[in-house]
Each structure stands twice: as structure tokens, then as C-alpha cells.
């Protein structure tokens, strides 16, 4: 697997395989296990228990070789596996862009949600294949798998945006997505049920 391509880039053809969750040519692959999700889930005891029971993969991010550099538009495919931790549905860590930039997510397979928070207001978009979620500058965002199959989406973002995961740990996300009898429910962030 190649790392990010070096600058300057030549024009590039990138092939998206939505079913496999890959981009070719490939860039870095990030795998987030339960142990990488410190502080993300409300139920700390359930989080520790999940780690001890095999430390499952929560999500992966397969990137193209386009680097996260100023004026570039990197792409990645995130696959969030189905599951929950203490009733809270599997999700990405969530982040804020230090250089406030917009971003788009395109649903490829499965069903999920895009949770955004600007520090005061939270907003949820139901995601499915063909749905584009627009994340305005200044909104922290995290994706959640609300279905029984892997949820996969394509992200395209300015390379200069950056990823501040600690912002979410400090400020929360306004709401949490919890498993419910009819699928899922959104609860206040400080709650776990």
C-alpha cells in the first residue's frame, strides 16, 4: 500500500469501489478499534469490557493518495461496523476542523447518521446510499451506523482543514445515538439512555 503521494500531484484517476470500500490507487488505511475510542462512549465500563473481549474494530478509513495539504481535496471511504457499546451505536470519534472548512459525505452502502455540533446546536442528517450530507465550516461532526450492516460513506474535504479530535472530547456532540426497540434514538449528550 502506498502512502500519500508527494506534491506536486499530477492529474489522477481514482477508482471508487463502493461495495469493497476501497479507492484505487490506495493511500493510507486507518483502523480504529474500541481501544482507540477513549472518551467516545458514555458507558466507560462497557467500553473497557469490549476491549477485554477482543477489542473489536469499530471503523476503518481507506484514503486515496491525495495528501492532506493546502489546496488539495483528499478523499476517503469510512466503513463503520454495526454494533453498540453499552447501547450507544458504533460511530467515528468525531472531530472539528481547526481551519474551519466545509466537507461533504456521500452515503455508499448501509444506513447511518451524520451528527453535527457547533458548540450550542446539534443537527442530525439521516444517511443512506446516494445521500450527500453537507458539513458547514465550524461544525464538529461524527458519523454513526444505525443499521445491521456496515455503513460506508465517501468523504471529500479540503486538505488544510485538519482534524481536532480533542475538541469533541472537551465539548461533546450535543446528542448521542442509542440503540432503541425501533432502531435508534437520539438522547442528550450527557445521558447514556
C-alpha atoms as a PDB file:
ATOM      1  CA  UNK A   1       0.000   0.000   0.000  1.00  0.00           C
ATOM      2  CA  UNK A   2       1.327   3.418  -0.881  1.00  0.00           C
ATOM      3  CA  UNK A   3       1.313   6.372   1.475  1.00  0.00           C
ATOM      4  CA  UNK A   4       0.095   9.809   0.498  1.00  0.00           C
ATOM      5  CA  UNK A   5       1.513  10.903  -2.853  1.00  0.00           C
ATOM      6  CA  UNK A   6       4.110  13.620  -2.845  1.00  0.00           C
ATOM      7  CA  UNK A   7       3.490  17.129  -4.137  1.00  0.00           C
ATOM      8  CA  UNK A   8       3.023  18.411  -6.709  1.00  0.00           C
ATOM      9  CA  UNK A   9       0.439  15.896  -7.855  1.00  0.00           C
ATOM     10  CA  UNK A  10      -0.153  15.070 -11.475  1.00  0.00           C
ATOM     11  CA  UNK A  11      -3.752  14.674 -12.635  1.00  0.00           C
ATOM     12  CA  UNK A  12      -5.000  11.443 -11.136  1.00  0.00           C
ATOM     13  CA  UNK A  13      -7.678   8.853 -11.922  1.00  0.00           C
ATOM     14  CA  UNK A  14      -9.159   7.352  -8.738  1.00  0.00           C
ATOM     15  CA  UNK A  15     -11.482   4.364  -8.897  1.00  0.00           C
ATOM     16  CA  UNK A  16     -14.136   4.019  -6.197  1.00  0.00           C
ATOM     17  CA  UNK A  17     -15.348   0.516  -5.311  1.00  0.00           C
ATOM     18  CA  UNK A  18     -18.332   1.285  -3.080  1.00  0.00           C
ATOM     19  CA  UNK A  19     -19.009  -2.377  -2.294  1.00  0.00           C
ATOM     20  CA  UNK A  20     -15.461  -3.114  -1.144  1.00  0.00           C
ATOM     21  CA  UNK A  21     -14.930   0.306   0.434  1.00  0.00           C
ATOM     22  CA  UNK A  22     -11.723   0.965  -1.479  1.00  0.00           C
ATOM     23  CA  UNK A  23     -10.111   3.685  -3.542  1.00  0.00           C
ATOM     24  CA  UNK A  24      -7.507   2.782  -6.179  1.00  0.00           C
ATOM     25  CA  UNK A  25      -4.774   3.834  -6.154  1.00  0.00           C
ATOM     26  CA  UNK A  26      -4.844   3.463  -2.401  1.00  0.00           C
ATOM     27  CA  UNK A  27      -3.393   5.704   0.250  1.00  0.00           C
ATOM     28  CA  UNK A  28      -3.162   5.094   3.993  1.00  0.00           C
ATOM     29  CA  UNK A  29      -5.608   2.769   5.767  1.00  0.00           C
ATOM     30  CA  UNK A  30      -6.635   3.706   9.314  1.00  0.00           C
ATOM     31  CA  UNK A  31      -8.225   1.105  11.588  1.00  0.00           C
ATOM     32  CA  UNK A  32      -9.966   2.272  14.757  1.00  0.00           C
ATOM     33  CA  UNK A  33     -10.539  -0.385  17.393  1.00  0.00           C
ATOM     34  CA  UNK A  34     -12.528   0.004  20.582  1.00  0.00           C
ATOM     35  CA  UNK A  35      -9.263   0.794  22.424  1.00  0.00           C
ATOM     36  CA  UNK A  36      -8.777   3.805  20.103  1.00  0.00           C
ATOM     37  CA  UNK A  37     -12.130   5.286  21.179  1.00  0.00           C
ATOM     38  CA  UNK A  38     -11.096   6.658  24.591  1.00  0.00           C
ATOM     39  CA  UNK A  39     -13.801   9.000  25.887  1.00  0.00           C
ATOM     40  CA  UNK A  40     -16.142   8.486  22.924  1.00  0.00           C
ATOM     41  CA  UNK A  41     -18.723   6.164  24.505  1.00  0.00           C
ATOM     42  CA  UNK A  42     -20.750   7.212  27.553  1.00  0.00           C
ATOM     43  CA  UNK A  43     -20.578   3.815  29.276  1.00  0.00           C
ATOM     44  CA  UNK A  44     -16.914   3.503  30.317  1.00  0.00           C
ATOM     45  CA  UNK A  45     -17.440   0.072  31.914  1.00  0.00           C
ATOM     46  CA  UNK A  46     -18.933  -1.308  28.684  1.00  0.00           C
ATOM     47  CA  UNK A  47     -16.064   0.269  26.715  1.00  0.00           C
ATOM     48  CA  UNK A  48     -13.479  -1.482  28.932  1.00  0.00           C
ATOM     49  CA  UNK A  49     -15.384  -4.767  28.709  1.00  0.00           C
ATOM     50  CA  UNK A  50     -15.467  -4.569  24.885  1.00  0.00           C
ATOM     51  CA  UNK A  51     -11.700  -4.074  24.814  1.00  0.00           C
ATOM     52  CA  UNK A  52     -11.154  -7.059  27.093  1.00  0.00           C
ATOM     53  CA  UNK A  53     -13.478  -9.196  24.963  1.00  0.00           C
ATOM     54  CA  UNK A  54     -11.346  -8.840  21.813  1.00  0.00           C
ATOM     55  CA  UNK A  55     -11.018  -5.097  21.137  1.00  0.00           C
ATOM     56  CA  UNK A  56     -13.294  -5.104  18.052  1.00  0.00           C
ATOM     57  CA  UNK A  57     -12.781  -2.882  15.030  1.00  0.00           C
ATOM     58  CA  UNK A  58     -15.317  -0.033  15.208  1.00  0.00           C
ATOM     59  CA  UNK A  59     -14.443   1.591  11.870  1.00  0.00           C
ATOM     60  CA  UNK A  60     -11.853   1.892   9.119  1.00  0.00           C
ATOM     61  CA  UNK A  61     -10.854   4.793   6.884  1.00  0.00           C
ATOM     62  CA  UNK A  62      -9.386   3.978   3.455  1.00  0.00           C
ATOM     63  CA  UNK A  63      -7.800   7.061   1.878  1.00  0.00           C
ATOM     64  CA  UNK A  64      -6.746   7.915  -1.642  1.00  0.00           C
ATOM     65  CA  UNK A  65      -3.135   9.028  -2.153  1.00  0.00           C
ATOM     66  CA  UNK A  66      -4.174  12.713  -2.327  1.00  0.00           C
ATOM     67  CA  UNK A  67      -2.374  14.328   0.630  1.00  0.00           C
ATOM     68  CA  UNK A  68      -3.902  16.426   3.387  1.00  0.00           C
ATOM     69  CA  UNK A  69      -2.186  19.586   2.179  1.00  0.00           C
ATOM     70  CA  UNK A  70      -3.326  23.125   1.455  1.00  0.00           C
ATOM     71  CA  UNK A  71      -5.337  23.418  -1.802  1.00  0.00           C
ATOM     72  CA  UNK A  72      -5.704  19.629  -2.173  1.00  0.00           C
ATOM     73  CA  UNK A  73      -9.021  17.732  -1.916  1.00  0.00           C
ATOM     74  CA  UNK A  74      -8.341  14.385  -0.201  1.00  0.00           C
ATOM     75  CA  UNK A  75     -10.958  11.632  -0.335  1.00  0.00           C
ATOM     76  CA  UNK A  76     -11.562   8.705   1.964  1.00  0.00           C
ATOM     77  CA  UNK A  77     -14.070   5.913   2.473  1.00  0.00           C
ATOM     78  CA  UNK A  78     -15.112   5.251   6.053  1.00  0.00           C
ATOM     79  CA  UNK A  79     -16.726   1.939   6.972  1.00  0.00           C
ATOM     80  CA  UNK A  80     -18.438   1.823  10.380  1.00  0.00           C
ATOM     81  CA  UNK A  81     -19.298  -1.678  11.503  1.00  0.00           C
ATOM     82  CA  UNK A  82     -22.644  -2.497  13.139  1.00  0.00           C
ATOM     83  CA  UNK A  83     -22.665  -2.761  16.899  1.00  0.00           C
ATOM     84  CA  UNK A  84     -23.009  -0.871  20.120  1.00  0.00           C
ATOM     85  CA  UNK A  85     -21.122  -0.214  23.321  1.00  0.00           C
ATOM     86  CA  UNK A  86     -23.429  -0.046  26.326  1.00  0.00           C
ATOM     87  CA  UNK A  87     -26.333   0.653  23.960  1.00  0.00           C
ATOM     88  CA  UNK A  88     -24.540   3.508  22.171  1.00  0.00           C
ATOM     89  CA  UNK A  89     -24.222   2.768  18.467  1.00  0.00           C
ATOM     90  CA  UNK A  90     -20.808   2.386  16.823  1.00  0.00           C
ATOM     91  CA  UNK A  91     -19.540   5.691  15.487  1.00  0.00           C
ATOM     92  CA  UNK A  92     -16.474   7.603  14.418  1.00  0.00           C
ATOM     93  CA  UNK A  93     -14.504   9.527  17.031  1.00  0.00           C
ATOM     94  CA  UNK A  94     -15.754  12.800  15.606  1.00  0.00           C
ATOM     95  CA  UNK A  95     -13.712  15.921  15.040  1.00  0.00           C
ATOM     96  CA  UNK A  96     -13.698  19.633  14.403  1.00  0.00           C
ATOM     97  CA  UNK A  97     -11.630  21.239  11.630  1.00  0.00           C
ATOM     98  CA  UNK A  98      -9.057  23.626  13.205  1.00  0.00           C
ATOM     99  CA  UNK A  99      -9.036  25.503   9.877  1.00  0.00           C
ATOM    100  CA  UNK A 100     -12.824  25.898   9.614  1.00  0.00           C
ATOM    101  CA  UNK A 101     -13.671  24.303   6.275  1.00  0.00           C
ATOM    102  CA  UNK A 102     -16.737  22.606   4.840  1.00  0.00           C
ATOM    103  CA  UNK A 103     -16.868  18.913   3.943  1.00  0.00           C
ATOM    104  CA  UNK A 104     -19.214  16.546   2.124  1.00  0.00           C
ATOM    105  CA  UNK A 105     -20.124  12.940   2.877  1.00  0.00           C
ATOM    106  CA  UNK A 106     -21.778  10.703   0.270  1.00  0.00           C
ATOM    107  CA  UNK A 107     -23.576   7.595   1.544  1.00  0.00           C
ATOM    108  CA  UNK A 108     -22.407   4.472  -0.319  1.00  0.00           C
ATOM    109  CA  UNK A 109     -23.950   1.477   1.493  1.00  0.00           C
ATOM    110  CA  UNK A 110     -25.820   0.681   4.677  1.00  0.00           C
ATOM    111  CA  UNK A 111     -27.604   3.292   6.767  1.00  0.00           C
ATOM    112  CA  UNK A 112     -26.176   5.788   9.171  1.00  0.00           C
ATOM    113  CA  UNK A 113     -26.409   9.253  10.521  1.00  0.00           C
ATOM    114  CA  UNK A 114     -24.294  12.375  10.404  1.00  0.00           C
ATOM    115  CA  UNK A 115     -24.283  14.141  13.777  1.00  0.00           C
ATOM    116  CA  UNK A 116     -23.016  17.728  13.833  1.00  0.00           C
ATOM    117  CA  UNK A 117     -22.497  20.161  16.702  1.00  0.00           C
ATOM    118  CA  UNK A 118     -21.437  23.820  16.635  1.00  0.00           C
ATOM    119  CA  UNK A 119     -20.914  24.128  20.405  1.00  0.00           C
ATOM    120  CA  UNK A 120     -24.540  25.109  21.028  1.00  0.00           C
ATOM    121  CA  UNK A 121     -26.756  23.385  18.474  1.00  0.00           C
ATOM    122  CA  UNK A 122     -26.711  19.814  17.247  1.00  0.00           C
ATOM    123  CA  UNK A 123     -28.015  18.652  13.899  1.00  0.00           C
ATOM    124  CA  UNK A 124     -28.663  15.129  12.563  1.00  0.00           C
ATOM    125  CA  UNK A 125     -28.878  14.003   8.925  1.00  0.00           C
ATOM    126  CA  UNK A 126     -30.125  10.502   8.063  1.00  0.00           C
ATOM    127  CA  UNK A 127     -27.627   8.972   5.639  1.00  0.00           C
ATOM    128  CA  UNK A 128     -28.148   6.197   3.070  1.00  0.00           C
ATOM    129  CA  UNK A 129     -26.746   5.335  -0.372  1.00  0.00           C
ATOM    130  CA  UNK A 130     -26.916   8.374  -2.634  1.00  0.00           C
ATOM    131  CA  UNK A 131     -27.483  10.903   0.178  1.00  0.00           C
ATOM    132  CA  UNK A 132     -24.993  13.765   0.453  1.00  0.00           C
ATOM    133  CA  UNK A 133     -24.502  15.287   3.893  1.00  0.00           C
ATOM    134  CA  UNK A 134     -23.021  18.785   3.855  1.00  0.00           C
ATOM    135  CA  UNK A 135     -20.957  19.816   6.884  1.00  0.00           C
ATOM    136  CA  UNK A 136     -20.638  23.615   7.068  1.00  0.00           C
ATOM    137  CA  UNK A 137     -17.441  25.238   8.360  1.00  0.00           C
ATOM    138  CA  UNK A 138     -17.322  25.376  12.165  1.00  0.00           C
ATOM    139  CA  UNK A 139     -19.428  22.274  12.836  1.00  0.00           C
ATOM    140  CA  UNK A 140     -17.864  19.285  14.616  1.00  0.00           C
ATOM    141  CA  UNK A 141     -19.058  16.036  13.065  1.00  0.00           C
ATOM    142  CA  UNK A 142     -19.239  12.325  13.684  1.00  0.00           C
ATOM    143  CA  UNK A 143     -20.891   9.507  11.776  1.00  0.00           C
ATOM    144  CA  UNK A 144     -22.950   6.699  13.299  1.00  0.00           C
ATOM    145  CA  UNK A 145     -24.013   3.286  11.979  1.00  0.00           C
ATOM    146  CA  UNK A 146     -27.733   2.934  12.761  1.00  0.00           C
ATOM    147  CA  UNK A 147     -28.274  -0.314  10.839  1.00  0.00           C
ATOM    148  CA  UNK A 148     -27.425  -4.015  10.969  1.00  0.00           C
ATOM    149  CA  UNK A 149     -24.893  -3.923   8.088  1.00  0.00           C
ATOM    150  CA  UNK A 150     -21.670  -1.953   7.701  1.00  0.00           C
ATOM    151  CA  UNK A 151     -22.351   1.718   6.928  1.00  0.00           C
ATOM    152  CA  UNK A 152     -19.988   3.170   4.340  1.00  0.00           C
ATOM    153  CA  UNK A 153     -19.539   6.731   3.067  1.00  0.00           C
ATOM    154  CA  UNK A 154     -17.173   8.762   0.920  1.00  0.00           C
ATOM    155  CA  UNK A 155     -15.723  11.963   2.422  1.00  0.00           C
ATOM    156  CA  UNK A 156     -14.212  14.828   0.420  1.00  0.00           C
ATOM    157  CA  UNK A 157     -12.593  17.679   2.322  1.00  0.00           C
ATOM    158  CA  UNK A 158     -10.001  20.466   1.975  1.00  0.00           C
ATOM    159  CA  UNK A 159      -6.541  19.133   2.813  1.00  0.00           C
ATOM    160  CA  UNK A 160      -5.775  22.135   5.025  1.00  0.00           C
ATOM    161  CA  UNK A 161      -8.788  21.552   7.318  1.00  0.00           C
ATOM    162  CA  UNK A 162      -7.068  19.301   9.874  1.00  0.00           C
ATOM    163  CA  UNK A 163      -8.722  17.034  12.474  1.00  0.00           C
ATOM    164  CA  UNK A 164      -9.144  18.114  16.106  1.00  0.00           C
ATOM    165  CA  UNK A 165     -10.469  15.045  17.938  1.00  0.00           C
ATOM    166  CA  UNK A 166      -9.906  16.624  21.355  1.00  0.00           C
ATOM    167  CA  UNK A 167     -12.498  19.319  20.552  1.00  0.00           C
ATOM    168  CA  UNK A 168     -15.198  16.625  20.721  1.00  0.00           C
ATOM    169  CA  UNK A 169     -13.824  15.252  23.992  1.00  0.00           C
ATOM    170  CA  UNK A 170     -13.904  18.762  25.511  1.00  0.00           C
ATOM    171  CA  UNK A 171     -17.242  19.945  24.071  1.00  0.00           C
ATOM    172  CA  UNK A 172     -19.276  16.824  23.357  1.00  0.00           C
ATOM    173  CA  UNK A 173     -21.584  16.459  20.382  1.00  0.00           C
ATOM    174  CA  UNK A 174     -24.911  17.665  21.812  1.00  0.00           C
ATOM    175  CA  UNK A 175     -26.568  14.259  21.408  1.00  0.00           C
ATOM    176  CA  UNK A 176     -25.780  10.538  21.387  1.00  0.00           C
ATOM    177  CA  UNK A 177     -27.274   7.819  19.160  1.00  0.00           C
ATOM    178  CA  UNK A 178     -28.548   4.931  21.272  1.00  0.00           C
ATOM    179  CA  UNK A 179     -29.997   1.572  20.255  1.00  0.00           C
ATOM    180  CA  UNK A 180     -33.794   1.525  20.628  1.00  0.00           C
ATOM    181  CA  UNK A 181     -36.560  -1.030  20.017  1.00  0.00           C
ATOM    182  CA  UNK A 182     -37.431   0.634  16.697  1.00  0.00           C
ATOM    183  CA  UNK A 183     -33.832   1.259  15.581  1.00  0.00           C
ATOM    184  CA  UNK A 184     -32.209   4.201  17.339  1.00  0.00           C
ATOM    185  CA  UNK A 185     -32.954   7.293  19.364  1.00  0.00           C
ATOM    186  CA  UNK A 186     -31.035  10.496  19.912  1.00  0.00           C
ATOM    187  CA  UNK A 187     -30.545  11.435  23.571  1.00  0.00           C
ATOM    188  CA  UNK A 188     -28.854  14.438  25.213  1.00  0.00           C
ATOM    189  CA  UNK A 189     -25.066  14.067  25.175  1.00  0.00           C
ATOM    190  CA  UNK A 190     -24.717  13.804  28.969  1.00  0.00           C
ATOM    191  CA  UNK A 191     -27.152  10.853  29.010  1.00  0.00           C
ATOM    192  CA  UNK A 192     -26.469   7.214  28.154  1.00  0.00           C
ATOM    193  CA  UNK A 193     -30.071   6.063  27.857  1.00  0.00           C
END
